[in-house]
């Protein structure tokens, strides 16, 4: 990315980080260890892509960014919970995340499970708190909660994770692989954009455009993750590479090859850009973060 998008991305990251700190549950001696595990994972240096997409979508439809901050933070809670649980021995069994020990290696499996559970439930507590979401009409709050719940649950990430486990050591079709990625990764990315649009009170046409954009960008994001697992540098990524091959995971490089995967990722980005032409200049930030998704090195 050129300097301007980097600066804007950093600005949004700092805004999200500061707000996450302000919403984080206060100290309680009875849950001190779990709270430390939540904090350890939530503030481990994440890119904040999902909350930033939520804020940018709200901005694109003409809404105020601050109005969407609580939902943006809830999305990051849920994303962090999913990473904690994904790293567990029963799932992906990863020892490192973002250059540090994964939550279960630092605090133990039981505390990591509870920390993930706490982040997930805290997200919905935040979304339902009238004093926090006071700028968002009640009917829109309900739509946002439903959208995020769908993306996180059996119709979204949970379904994708199960399909991913089922696909290990098997030859899968392109349709099955797309199902995995669209649900495990794409669902929450799409929901982030849709929720931002809803909070900004975008028109039905604008919400549809954000949804289409999210579907393409979500899939492109996971394709890039697949490629980084093959070509990325462990030192930069903060975790071991080549693990997908070791675990016989279903990925795009395995199914169609590295170069065709890159071509497909770029094709999805081009299609995503066309999907949000409705926004004109207001959609430029979304285009730039889409470009970043495919150019990142971690």
C-alpha atoms as a PDB file:
ATOM      1  CA  UNK A   1       0.000   0.000   0.000  1.00  0.00           C
ATOM      2  CA  UNK A   2       1.022   3.599  -0.485  1.00  0.00           C
ATOM      3  CA  UNK A   3       1.527   5.878   2.480  1.00  0.00           C
ATOM      4  CA  UNK A   4      -1.953   7.408   2.668  1.00  0.00           C
ATOM      5  CA  UNK A   5      -3.818   4.076   3.168  1.00  0.00           C
ATOM      6  CA  UNK A   6      -1.177   2.990   5.719  1.00  0.00           C
ATOM      7  CA  UNK A   7      -1.734   6.184   7.706  1.00  0.00           C
ATOM      8  CA  UNK A   8      -5.523   5.814   7.600  1.00  0.00           C
ATOM      9  CA  UNK A   9      -5.317   2.157   8.583  1.00  0.00           C
ATOM     10  CA  UNK A  10      -3.079   3.040  11.522  1.00  0.00           C
ATOM     11  CA  UNK A  11      -5.496   5.784  12.574  1.00  0.00           C
ATOM     12  CA  UNK A  12      -8.418   3.363  12.595  1.00  0.00           C
ATOM     13  CA  UNK A  13      -6.355   0.730  14.435  1.00  0.00           C
ATOM     14  CA  UNK A  14      -5.518   3.210  17.185  1.00  0.00           C
ATOM     15  CA  UNK A  15      -9.158   4.296  17.441  1.00  0.00           C
ATOM     16  CA  UNK A  16     -10.306   0.671  17.784  1.00  0.00           C
ATOM     17  CA  UNK A  17      -7.561  -0.195  20.295  1.00  0.00           C
ATOM     18  CA  UNK A  18      -8.396   2.770  22.495  1.00  0.00           C
ATOM     19  CA  UNK A  19     -12.099   1.953  22.450  1.00  0.00           C
ATOM     20  CA  UNK A  20     -11.459  -1.718  23.190  1.00  0.00           C
ATOM     21  CA  UNK A  21      -9.500  -0.638  26.266  1.00  0.00           C
ATOM     22  CA  UNK A  22     -12.377   1.544  27.436  1.00  0.00           C
ATOM     23  CA  UNK A  23     -14.938  -1.273  27.069  1.00  0.00           C
ATOM     24  CA  UNK A  24     -12.759  -4.056  28.486  1.00  0.00           C
ATOM     25  CA  UNK A  25     -14.261  -5.666  31.624  1.00  0.00           C
ATOM     26  CA  UNK A  26     -12.956  -4.126  34.867  1.00  0.00           C
ATOM     27  CA  UNK A  27     -10.640  -6.098  37.199  1.00  0.00           C
ATOM     28  CA  UNK A  28     -12.249  -8.775  39.358  1.00  0.00           C
ATOM     29  CA  UNK A  29     -10.122 -10.940  41.641  1.00  0.00           C
ATOM     30  CA  UNK A  30     -12.403 -13.947  41.084  1.00  0.00           C
ATOM     31  CA  UNK A  31     -11.724 -14.012  37.317  1.00  0.00           C
ATOM     32  CA  UNK A  32      -8.260 -12.462  37.316  1.00  0.00           C
ATOM     33  CA  UNK A  33      -6.592 -15.267  35.324  1.00  0.00           C
ATOM     34  CA  UNK A  34      -9.314 -15.451  32.687  1.00  0.00           C
ATOM     35  CA  UNK A  35      -9.311 -11.670  32.316  1.00  0.00           C
ATOM     36  CA  UNK A  36      -5.522 -11.713  31.835  1.00  0.00           C
ATOM     37  CA  UNK A  37      -5.892 -14.396  29.160  1.00  0.00           C
ATOM     38  CA  UNK A  38      -8.579 -12.332  27.382  1.00  0.00           C
ATOM     39  CA  UNK A  39      -6.374  -9.244  27.511  1.00  0.00           C
ATOM     40  CA  UNK A  40      -3.292 -11.185  26.388  1.00  0.00           C
ATOM     41  CA  UNK A  41      -5.028 -12.322  23.201  1.00  0.00           C
ATOM     42  CA  UNK A  42      -7.129  -9.236  22.490  1.00  0.00           C
ATOM     43  CA  UNK A  43      -4.154  -6.867  22.641  1.00  0.00           C
ATOM     44  CA  UNK A  44      -1.587  -9.095  20.935  1.00  0.00           C
ATOM     45  CA  UNK A  45      -1.114  -6.778  17.949  1.00  0.00           C
ATOM     46  CA  UNK A  46      -3.980  -7.777  15.679  1.00  0.00           C
ATOM     47  CA  UNK A  47      -4.568  -5.903  12.423  1.00  0.00           C
ATOM     48  CA  UNK A  48      -8.199  -5.070  13.424  1.00  0.00           C
ATOM     49  CA  UNK A  49      -9.396  -5.729   9.866  1.00  0.00           C
ATOM     50  CA  UNK A  50     -12.968  -6.611  10.840  1.00  0.00           C
ATOM     51  CA  UNK A  51     -13.658  -3.591  13.060  1.00  0.00           C
ATOM     52  CA  UNK A  52     -11.983  -1.311  10.531  1.00  0.00           C
ATOM     53  CA  UNK A  53     -14.187  -2.685   7.756  1.00  0.00           C
ATOM     54  CA  UNK A  54     -17.213  -2.003   9.966  1.00  0.00           C
ATOM     55  CA  UNK A  55     -16.145   1.602  10.521  1.00  0.00           C
ATOM     56  CA  UNK A  56     -15.295   2.160   6.852  1.00  0.00           C
ATOM     57  CA  UNK A  57     -18.639   0.739   5.750  1.00  0.00           C
ATOM     58  CA  UNK A  58     -20.468   3.056   8.131  1.00  0.00           C
ATOM     59  CA  UNK A  59     -18.483   5.971   6.728  1.00  0.00           C
ATOM     60  CA  UNK A  60     -19.167   4.892   3.137  1.00  0.00           C
ATOM     61  CA  UNK A  61     -22.951   5.102   3.621  1.00  0.00           C
ATOM     62  CA  UNK A  62     -22.649   8.529   5.227  1.00  0.00           C
ATOM     63  CA  UNK A  63     -22.720   7.548   8.898  1.00  0.00           C
ATOM     64  CA  UNK A  64     -20.469   8.754  11.689  1.00  0.00           C
ATOM     65  CA  UNK A  65     -17.589   6.418  12.505  1.00  0.00           C
ATOM     66  CA  UNK A  66     -18.012   6.782  16.291  1.00  0.00           C
ATOM     67  CA  UNK A  67     -21.563   5.465  16.006  1.00  0.00           C
ATOM     68  CA  UNK A  68     -20.223   2.098  14.833  1.00  0.00           C
ATOM     69  CA  UNK A  69     -17.376   1.759  17.356  1.00  0.00           C
ATOM     70  CA  UNK A  70     -19.214  -0.488  19.864  1.00  0.00           C
ATOM     71  CA  UNK A  71     -20.162  -2.952  17.117  1.00  0.00           C
ATOM     72  CA  UNK A  72     -16.629  -2.777  15.715  1.00  0.00           C
ATOM     73  CA  UNK A  73     -15.246  -3.727  19.128  1.00  0.00           C
ATOM     74  CA  UNK A  74     -17.759  -6.558  19.503  1.00  0.00           C
ATOM     75  CA  UNK A  75     -16.576  -7.945  16.160  1.00  0.00           C
ATOM     76  CA  UNK A  76     -12.969  -7.922  17.377  1.00  0.00           C
ATOM     77  CA  UNK A  77     -13.999  -9.711  20.580  1.00  0.00           C
ATOM     78  CA  UNK A  78     -15.566 -12.453  18.472  1.00  0.00           C
ATOM     79  CA  UNK A  79     -12.625 -12.670  16.088  1.00  0.00           C
ATOM     80  CA  UNK A  80     -10.213 -12.986  19.037  1.00  0.00           C
ATOM     81  CA  UNK A  81     -12.345 -15.687  20.653  1.00  0.00           C
ATOM     82  CA  UNK A  82     -12.254 -17.643  17.387  1.00  0.00           C
ATOM     83  CA  UNK A  83      -8.444 -17.419  17.226  1.00  0.00           C
ATOM     84  CA  UNK A  84      -8.053 -18.629  20.822  1.00  0.00           C
ATOM     85  CA  UNK A  85     -10.252 -21.638  20.142  1.00  0.00           C
ATOM     86  CA  UNK A  86      -8.767 -22.337  16.688  1.00  0.00           C
ATOM     87  CA  UNK A  87      -5.300 -22.622  18.239  1.00  0.00           C
ATOM     88  CA  UNK A  88      -6.397 -25.274  20.751  1.00  0.00           C
ATOM     89  CA  UNK A  89      -4.954 -28.815  20.404  1.00  0.00           C
ATOM     90  CA  UNK A  90      -8.408 -30.182  19.534  1.00  0.00           C
ATOM     91  CA  UNK A  91      -8.599 -27.901  16.482  1.00  0.00           C
ATOM     92  CA  UNK A  92      -5.526 -26.417  14.726  1.00  0.00           C
ATOM     93  CA  UNK A  93      -3.060 -27.125  17.567  1.00  0.00           C
ATOM     94  CA  UNK A  94      -0.922 -24.012  17.044  1.00  0.00           C
ATOM     95  CA  UNK A  95       1.671 -23.048  19.643  1.00  0.00           C
ATOM     96  CA  UNK A  96       2.220 -19.473  18.448  1.00  0.00           C
ATOM     97  CA  UNK A  97       0.030 -16.566  17.411  1.00  0.00           C
ATOM     98  CA  UNK A  98       1.357 -13.143  16.341  1.00  0.00           C
ATOM     99  CA  UNK A  99       4.863 -13.978  17.501  1.00  0.00           C
ATOM    100  CA  UNK A 100       3.818 -14.996  21.018  1.00  0.00           C
ATOM    101  CA  UNK A 101       2.717 -18.189  22.692  1.00  0.00           C
ATOM    102  CA  UNK A 102      -0.903 -18.947  21.839  1.00  0.00           C
ATOM    103  CA  UNK A 103      -3.363 -18.455  24.675  1.00  0.00           C
ATOM    104  CA  UNK A 104      -3.555 -22.114  25.719  1.00  0.00           C
ATOM    105  CA  UNK A 105       0.247 -22.427  25.777  1.00  0.00           C
ATOM    106  CA  UNK A 106       0.496 -19.346  27.999  1.00  0.00           C
ATOM    107  CA  UNK A 107      -2.447 -19.939  30.355  1.00  0.00           C
ATOM    108  CA  UNK A 108      -3.442 -23.596  29.885  1.00  0.00           C
ATOM    109  CA  UNK A 109      -6.229 -25.125  27.833  1.00  0.00           C
ATOM    110  CA  UNK A 110      -9.004 -24.705  30.396  1.00  0.00           C
ATOM    111  CA  UNK A 111      -8.356 -20.985  30.888  1.00  0.00           C
ATOM    112  CA  UNK A 112      -8.025 -20.459  27.119  1.00  0.00           C
ATOM    113  CA  UNK A 113     -11.415 -22.091  26.516  1.00  0.00           C
ATOM    114  CA  UNK A 114     -13.026 -19.930  29.188  1.00  0.00           C
ATOM    115  CA  UNK A 115     -11.299 -16.784  27.902  1.00  0.00           C
ATOM    116  CA  UNK A 116     -12.693 -17.466  24.427  1.00  0.00           C
ATOM    117  CA  UNK A 117     -16.151 -18.104  25.854  1.00  0.00           C
ATOM    118  CA  UNK A 118     -15.941 -14.862  27.842  1.00  0.00           C
ATOM    119  CA  UNK A 119     -14.967 -12.795  24.799  1.00  0.00           C
ATOM    120  CA  UNK A 120     -17.810 -14.242  22.729  1.00  0.00           C
ATOM    121  CA  UNK A 121     -20.446 -13.553  25.350  1.00  0.00           C
ATOM    122  CA  UNK A 122     -18.980 -10.143  26.222  1.00  0.00           C
ATOM    123  CA  UNK A 123     -19.418  -9.164  22.556  1.00  0.00           C
ATOM    124  CA  UNK A 124     -23.170  -9.678  22.742  1.00  0.00           C
ATOM    125  CA  UNK A 125     -23.338  -7.993  26.128  1.00  0.00           C
ATOM    126  CA  UNK A 126     -21.704  -4.950  24.548  1.00  0.00           C
ATOM    127  CA  UNK A 127     -24.067  -4.973  21.554  1.00  0.00           C
ATOM    128  CA  UNK A 128     -27.139  -5.162  23.790  1.00  0.00           C
ATOM    129  CA  UNK A 129     -26.156  -2.377  26.209  1.00  0.00           C
ATOM    130  CA  UNK A 130     -28.421   0.590  25.544  1.00  0.00           C
ATOM    131  CA  UNK A 131     -26.029   3.104  27.090  1.00  0.00           C
ATOM    132  CA  UNK A 132     -23.233   1.987  24.757  1.00  0.00           C
ATOM    133  CA  UNK A 133     -25.345   1.658  21.601  1.00  0.00           C
ATOM    134  CA  UNK A 134     -27.504   4.684  22.402  1.00  0.00           C
ATOM    135  CA  UNK A 135     -26.841   6.323  19.026  1.00  0.00           C
ATOM    136  CA  UNK A 136     -28.200   3.277  17.181  1.00  0.00           C
ATOM    137  CA  UNK A 137     -31.999   2.814  16.968  1.00  0.00           C
ATOM    138  CA  UNK A 138     -33.309  -0.332  18.693  1.00  0.00           C
ATOM    139  CA  UNK A 139     -34.539  -1.965  15.482  1.00  0.00           C
ATOM    140  CA  UNK A 140     -31.102  -1.558  13.905  1.00  0.00           C
ATOM    141  CA  UNK A 141     -29.372  -2.899  17.032  1.00  0.00           C
ATOM    142  CA  UNK A 142     -31.467  -6.053  16.733  1.00  0.00           C
ATOM    143  CA  UNK A 143     -30.518  -6.442  13.057  1.00  0.00           C
ATOM    144  CA  UNK A 144     -26.847  -6.007  13.927  1.00  0.00           C
ATOM    145  CA  UNK A 145     -27.006  -8.584  16.731  1.00  0.00           C
ATOM    146  CA  UNK A 146     -28.757 -11.050  14.428  1.00  0.00           C
ATOM    147  CA  UNK A 147     -26.208 -10.469  11.649  1.00  0.00           C
ATOM    148  CA  UNK A 148     -23.221 -11.024  13.929  1.00  0.00           C
ATOM    149  CA  UNK A 149     -24.773 -14.036  15.671  1.00  0.00           C
ATOM    150  CA  UNK A 150     -25.420 -15.639  12.293  1.00  0.00           C
ATOM    151  CA  UNK A 151     -21.839 -15.021  11.179  1.00  0.00           C
ATOM    152  CA  UNK A 152     -20.357 -16.421  14.399  1.00  0.00           C
ATOM    153  CA  UNK A 153     -22.564 -19.480  14.838  1.00  0.00           C
ATOM    154  CA  UNK A 154     -23.726 -22.618  13.090  1.00  0.00           C
ATOM    155  CA  UNK A 155     -24.526 -20.679   9.928  1.00  0.00           C
ATOM    156  CA  UNK A 156     -21.100 -19.036   9.867  1.00  0.00           C
ATOM    157  CA  UNK A 157     -17.748 -19.592  11.559  1.00  0.00           C
ATOM    158  CA  UNK A 158     -18.751 -22.710  13.469  1.00  0.00           C
ATOM    159  CA  UNK A 159     -19.982 -24.361  10.270  1.00  0.00           C
ATOM    160  CA  UNK A 160     -16.782 -23.390   8.470  1.00  0.00           C
ATOM    161  CA  UNK A 161     -14.591 -24.763  11.242  1.00  0.00           C
ATOM    162  CA  UNK A 162     -16.446 -28.073  11.245  1.00  0.00           C
ATOM    163  CA  UNK A 163     -16.228 -28.315   7.448  1.00  0.00           C
ATOM    164  CA  UNK A 164     -12.502 -27.539   7.659  1.00  0.00           C
ATOM    165  CA  UNK A 165     -11.967 -30.391  10.123  1.00  0.00           C
ATOM    166  CA  UNK A 166     -14.005 -32.772   7.985  1.00  0.00           C
ATOM    167  CA  UNK A 167     -11.910 -31.904   4.921  1.00  0.00           C
ATOM    168  CA  UNK A 168      -8.540 -32.814   6.458  1.00  0.00           C
ATOM    169  CA  UNK A 169      -6.750 -35.627   4.591  1.00  0.00           C
ATOM    170  CA  UNK A 170      -9.451 -35.621   1.919  1.00  0.00           C
ATOM    171  CA  UNK A 171      -9.707 -34.460  -1.678  1.00  0.00           C
ATOM    172  CA  UNK A 172     -12.343 -31.765  -1.767  1.00  0.00           C
ATOM    173  CA  UNK A 173     -14.164 -29.991  -4.572  1.00  0.00           C
ATOM    174  CA  UNK A 174     -13.888 -26.276  -5.278  1.00  0.00           C
ATOM    175  CA  UNK A 175     -17.461 -25.861  -4.013  1.00  0.00           C
ATOM    176  CA  UNK A 176     -16.551 -27.516  -0.691  1.00  0.00           C
ATOM    177  CA  UNK A 177     -13.399 -25.419  -0.323  1.00  0.00           C
ATOM    178  CA  UNK A 178     -15.333 -22.219  -1.007  1.00  0.00           C
ATOM    179  CA  UNK A 179     -17.890 -23.300   1.595  1.00  0.00           C
ATOM    180  CA  UNK A 180     -15.145 -23.678   4.200  1.00  0.00           C
ATOM    181  CA  UNK A 181     -13.582 -20.302   3.478  1.00  0.00           C
ATOM    182  CA  UNK A 182     -16.860 -18.418   3.018  1.00  0.00           C
ATOM    183  CA  UNK A 183     -18.040 -19.583   6.423  1.00  0.00           C
ATOM    184  CA  UNK A 184     -14.896 -19.900   8.533  1.00  0.00           C
ATOM    185  CA  UNK A 185     -13.381 -16.579   7.436  1.00  0.00           C
ATOM    186  CA  UNK A 186     -15.719 -14.789   5.074  1.00  0.00           C
ATOM    187  CA  UNK A 187     -18.849 -14.770   7.233  1.00  0.00           C
ATOM    188  CA  UNK A 188     -17.524 -12.406   9.915  1.00  0.00           C
ATOM    189  CA  UNK A 189     -15.840 -10.163   7.337  1.00  0.00           C
ATOM    190  CA  UNK A 190     -19.106  -9.840   5.426  1.00  0.00           C
ATOM    191  CA  UNK A 191     -21.023  -9.221   8.661  1.00  0.00           C
ATOM    192  CA  UNK A 192     -18.562  -6.475   9.608  1.00  0.00           C
ATOM    193  CA  UNK A 193     -19.372  -4.578   6.435  1.00  0.00           C
ATOM    194  CA  UNK A 194     -23.111  -5.188   6.591  1.00  0.00           C
ATOM    195  CA  UNK A 195     -23.269  -4.066  10.234  1.00  0.00           C
ATOM    196  CA  UNK A 196     -21.352  -0.896   9.465  1.00  0.00           C
ATOM    197  CA  UNK A 197     -23.798  -0.160   6.683  1.00  0.00           C
ATOM    198  CA  UNK A 198     -26.796  -0.850   8.905  1.00  0.00           C
ATOM    199  CA  UNK A 199     -25.511   1.377  11.703  1.00  0.00           C
ATOM    200  CA  UNK A 200     -24.820   4.150   9.198  1.00  0.00           C
ATOM    201  CA  UNK A 201     -28.419   3.679   7.999  1.00  0.00           C
ATOM    202  CA  UNK A 202     -27.450   2.886   4.436  1.00  0.00           C
ATOM    203  CA  UNK A 203     -30.060   2.225   1.792  1.00  0.00           C
ATOM    204  CA  UNK A 204     -31.045  -1.372   0.843  1.00  0.00           C
ATOM    205  CA  UNK A 205     -28.968  -0.997  -2.339  1.00  0.00           C
ATOM    206  CA  UNK A 206     -25.932   0.131  -0.361  1.00  0.00           C
ATOM    207  CA  UNK A 207     -26.288  -2.761   2.087  1.00  0.00           C
ATOM    208  CA  UNK A 208     -26.489  -5.225  -0.826  1.00  0.00           C
ATOM    209  CA  UNK A 209     -23.329  -3.702  -2.330  1.00  0.00           C
ATOM    210  CA  UNK A 210     -21.477  -4.036   0.981  1.00  0.00           C
ATOM    211  CA  UNK A 211     -22.626  -7.640   1.295  1.00  0.00           C
ATOM    212  CA  UNK A 212     -21.338  -8.509  -2.184  1.00  0.00           C
ATOM    213  CA  UNK A 213     -18.079  -6.701  -1.495  1.00  0.00           C
ATOM    214  CA  UNK A 214     -17.709  -8.601   1.777  1.00  0.00           C
ATOM    215  CA  UNK A 215     -18.286 -11.971   0.111  1.00  0.00           C
ATOM    216  CA  UNK A 216     -15.495 -11.327  -2.414  1.00  0.00           C
ATOM    217  CA  UNK A 217     -13.063  -9.747   0.063  1.00  0.00           C
ATOM    218  CA  UNK A 218     -13.708 -12.475   2.650  1.00  0.00           C
ATOM    219  CA  UNK A 219     -12.759 -15.194   0.192  1.00  0.00           C
ATOM    220  CA  UNK A 220      -9.757 -13.210  -1.070  1.00  0.00           C
ATOM    221  CA  UNK A 221      -8.595 -12.761   2.538  1.00  0.00           C
ATOM    222  CA  UNK A 222      -8.522 -16.505   3.149  1.00  0.00           C
ATOM    223  CA  UNK A 223      -6.841 -17.200  -0.194  1.00  0.00           C
ATOM    224  CA  UNK A 224      -4.089 -14.799   0.882  1.00  0.00           C
ATOM    225  CA  UNK A 225      -3.835 -16.592   4.242  1.00  0.00           C
ATOM    226  CA  UNK A 226      -3.472 -19.894   2.373  1.00  0.00           C
ATOM    227  CA  UNK A 227      -0.705 -18.389   0.233  1.00  0.00           C
ATOM    228  CA  UNK A 228       1.114 -16.933   3.240  1.00  0.00           C
ATOM    229  CA  UNK A 229       1.123 -20.376   4.852  1.00  0.00           C
ATOM    230  CA  UNK A 230       3.053 -21.561   1.800  1.00  0.00           C
ATOM    231  CA  UNK A 231       5.191 -18.545   0.922  1.00  0.00           C
ATOM    232  CA  UNK A 232       5.187 -16.366   4.051  1.00  0.00           C
ATOM    233  CA  UNK A 233       8.091 -15.841   6.458  1.00  0.00           C
ATOM    234  CA  UNK A 234       7.506 -17.233   9.931  1.00  0.00           C
ATOM    235  CA  UNK A 235       9.481 -14.386  11.530  1.00  0.00           C
ATOM    236  CA  UNK A 236       7.203 -11.757   9.972  1.00  0.00           C
ATOM    237  CA  UNK A 237       3.991 -13.693  10.464  1.00  0.00           C
ATOM    238  CA  UNK A 238       4.741 -14.573  14.070  1.00  0.00           C
ATOM    239  CA  UNK A 239       3.810 -18.218  13.630  1.00  0.00           C
ATOM    240  CA  UNK A 240       5.011 -21.336  11.883  1.00  0.00           C
ATOM    241  CA  UNK A 241       4.427 -21.654   8.137  1.00  0.00           C
ATOM    242  CA  UNK A 242       3.802 -24.821   6.128  1.00  0.00           C
ATOM    243  CA  UNK A 243       1.323 -26.082   8.704  1.00  0.00           C
ATOM    244  CA  UNK A 244      -1.518 -26.474   6.206  1.00  0.00           C
ATOM    245  CA  UNK A 245       0.494 -29.049   4.276  1.00  0.00           C
ATOM    246  CA  UNK A 246       1.556 -30.810   7.489  1.00  0.00           C
ATOM    247  CA  UNK A 247      -2.066 -31.154   8.585  1.00  0.00           C
ATOM    248  CA  UNK A 248      -3.317 -31.979   5.073  1.00  0.00           C
ATOM    249  CA  UNK A 249      -5.662 -28.981   5.147  1.00  0.00           C
ATOM    250  CA  UNK A 250      -7.941 -28.124   2.243  1.00  0.00           C
ATOM    251  CA  UNK A 251      -6.521 -24.903   0.752  1.00  0.00           C
ATOM    252  CA  UNK A 252      -6.530 -23.099  -2.582  1.00  0.00           C
ATOM    253  CA  UNK A 253      -2.791 -23.641  -3.251  1.00  0.00           C
ATOM    254  CA  UNK A 254      -3.312 -27.369  -2.701  1.00  0.00           C
ATOM    255  CA  UNK A 255      -6.412 -27.544  -4.876  1.00  0.00           C
ATOM    256  CA  UNK A 256      -5.463 -25.274  -7.798  1.00  0.00           C
ATOM    257  CA  UNK A 257      -1.811 -24.284  -7.217  1.00  0.00           C
ATOM    258  CA  UNK A 258      -0.015 -21.177  -5.962  1.00  0.00           C
ATOM    259  CA  UNK A 259      -0.085 -19.013  -9.100  1.00  0.00           C
ATOM    260  CA  UNK A 260      -3.748 -19.767  -9.977  1.00  0.00           C
ATOM    261  CA  UNK A 261      -4.609 -18.899  -6.343  1.00  0.00           C
ATOM    262  CA  UNK A 262      -2.953 -15.498  -6.762  1.00  0.00           C
ATOM    263  CA  UNK A 263      -4.851 -14.919  -9.997  1.00  0.00           C
ATOM    264  CA  UNK A 264      -8.141 -15.850  -8.322  1.00  0.00           C
ATOM    265  CA  UNK A 265      -7.435 -13.510  -5.400  1.00  0.00           C
ATOM    266  CA  UNK A 266      -6.820 -10.596  -7.750  1.00  0.00           C
ATOM    267  CA  UNK A 267      -9.930 -11.459  -9.754  1.00  0.00           C
ATOM    268  CA  UNK A 268     -12.033 -11.392  -6.585  1.00  0.00           C
ATOM    269  CA  UNK A 269     -10.563  -8.008  -5.641  1.00  0.00           C
ATOM    270  CA  UNK A 270     -11.422  -6.584  -9.072  1.00  0.00           C
ATOM    271  CA  UNK A 271     -14.977  -7.893  -8.761  1.00  0.00           C
ATOM    272  CA  UNK A 272     -15.245  -6.480  -5.222  1.00  0.00           C
ATOM    273  CA  UNK A 273     -14.201  -3.042  -6.465  1.00  0.00           C
ATOM    274  CA  UNK A 274     -16.967  -3.126  -9.059  1.00  0.00           C
ATOM    275  CA  UNK A 275     -19.494  -4.148  -6.413  1.00  0.00           C
ATOM    276  CA  UNK A 276     -19.021  -0.869  -4.529  1.00  0.00           C
ATOM    277  CA  UNK A 277     -18.967   1.563  -7.427  1.00  0.00           C
ATOM    278  CA  UNK A 278     -22.282   2.796  -6.026  1.00  0.00           C
ATOM    279  CA  UNK A 279     -20.304   4.671  -3.328  1.00  0.00           C
ATOM    280  CA  UNK A 280     -17.997   6.590  -5.646  1.00  0.00           C
ATOM    281  CA  UNK A 281     -15.242   8.360  -3.690  1.00  0.00           C
ATOM    282  CA  UNK A 282     -16.854   7.324  -0.385  1.00  0.00           C
ATOM    283  CA  UNK A 283     -15.864   3.735  -1.154  1.00  0.00           C
ATOM    284  CA  UNK A 284     -12.190   4.498  -1.736  1.00  0.00           C
ATOM    285  CA  UNK A 285     -11.130   3.443   1.768  1.00  0.00           C
ATOM    286  CA  UNK A 286     -12.815   0.078   1.272  1.00  0.00           C
ATOM    287  CA  UNK A 287     -10.969  -0.407  -2.019  1.00  0.00           C
ATOM    288  CA  UNK A 288      -7.693   0.432  -0.327  1.00  0.00           C
ATOM    289  CA  UNK A 289      -8.191  -2.042   2.509  1.00  0.00           C
ATOM    290  CA  UNK A 290      -9.181  -4.679  -0.058  1.00  0.00           C
ATOM    291  CA  UNK A 291      -5.871  -4.022  -1.822  1.00  0.00           C
ATOM    292  CA  UNK A 292      -4.065  -4.251   1.512  1.00  0.00           C
ATOM    293  CA  UNK A 293      -5.647  -7.647   2.215  1.00  0.00           C
ATOM    294  CA  UNK A 294      -3.961  -9.103  -0.867  1.00  0.00           C
ATOM    295  CA  UNK A 295      -0.643  -7.283  -0.449  1.00  0.00           C
ATOM    296  CA  UNK A 296      -0.009  -7.978   3.270  1.00  0.00           C
ATOM    297  CA  UNK A 297       2.876 -10.132   4.461  1.00  0.00           C
ATOM    298  CA  UNK A 298       1.269 -11.440   7.640  1.00  0.00           C
END
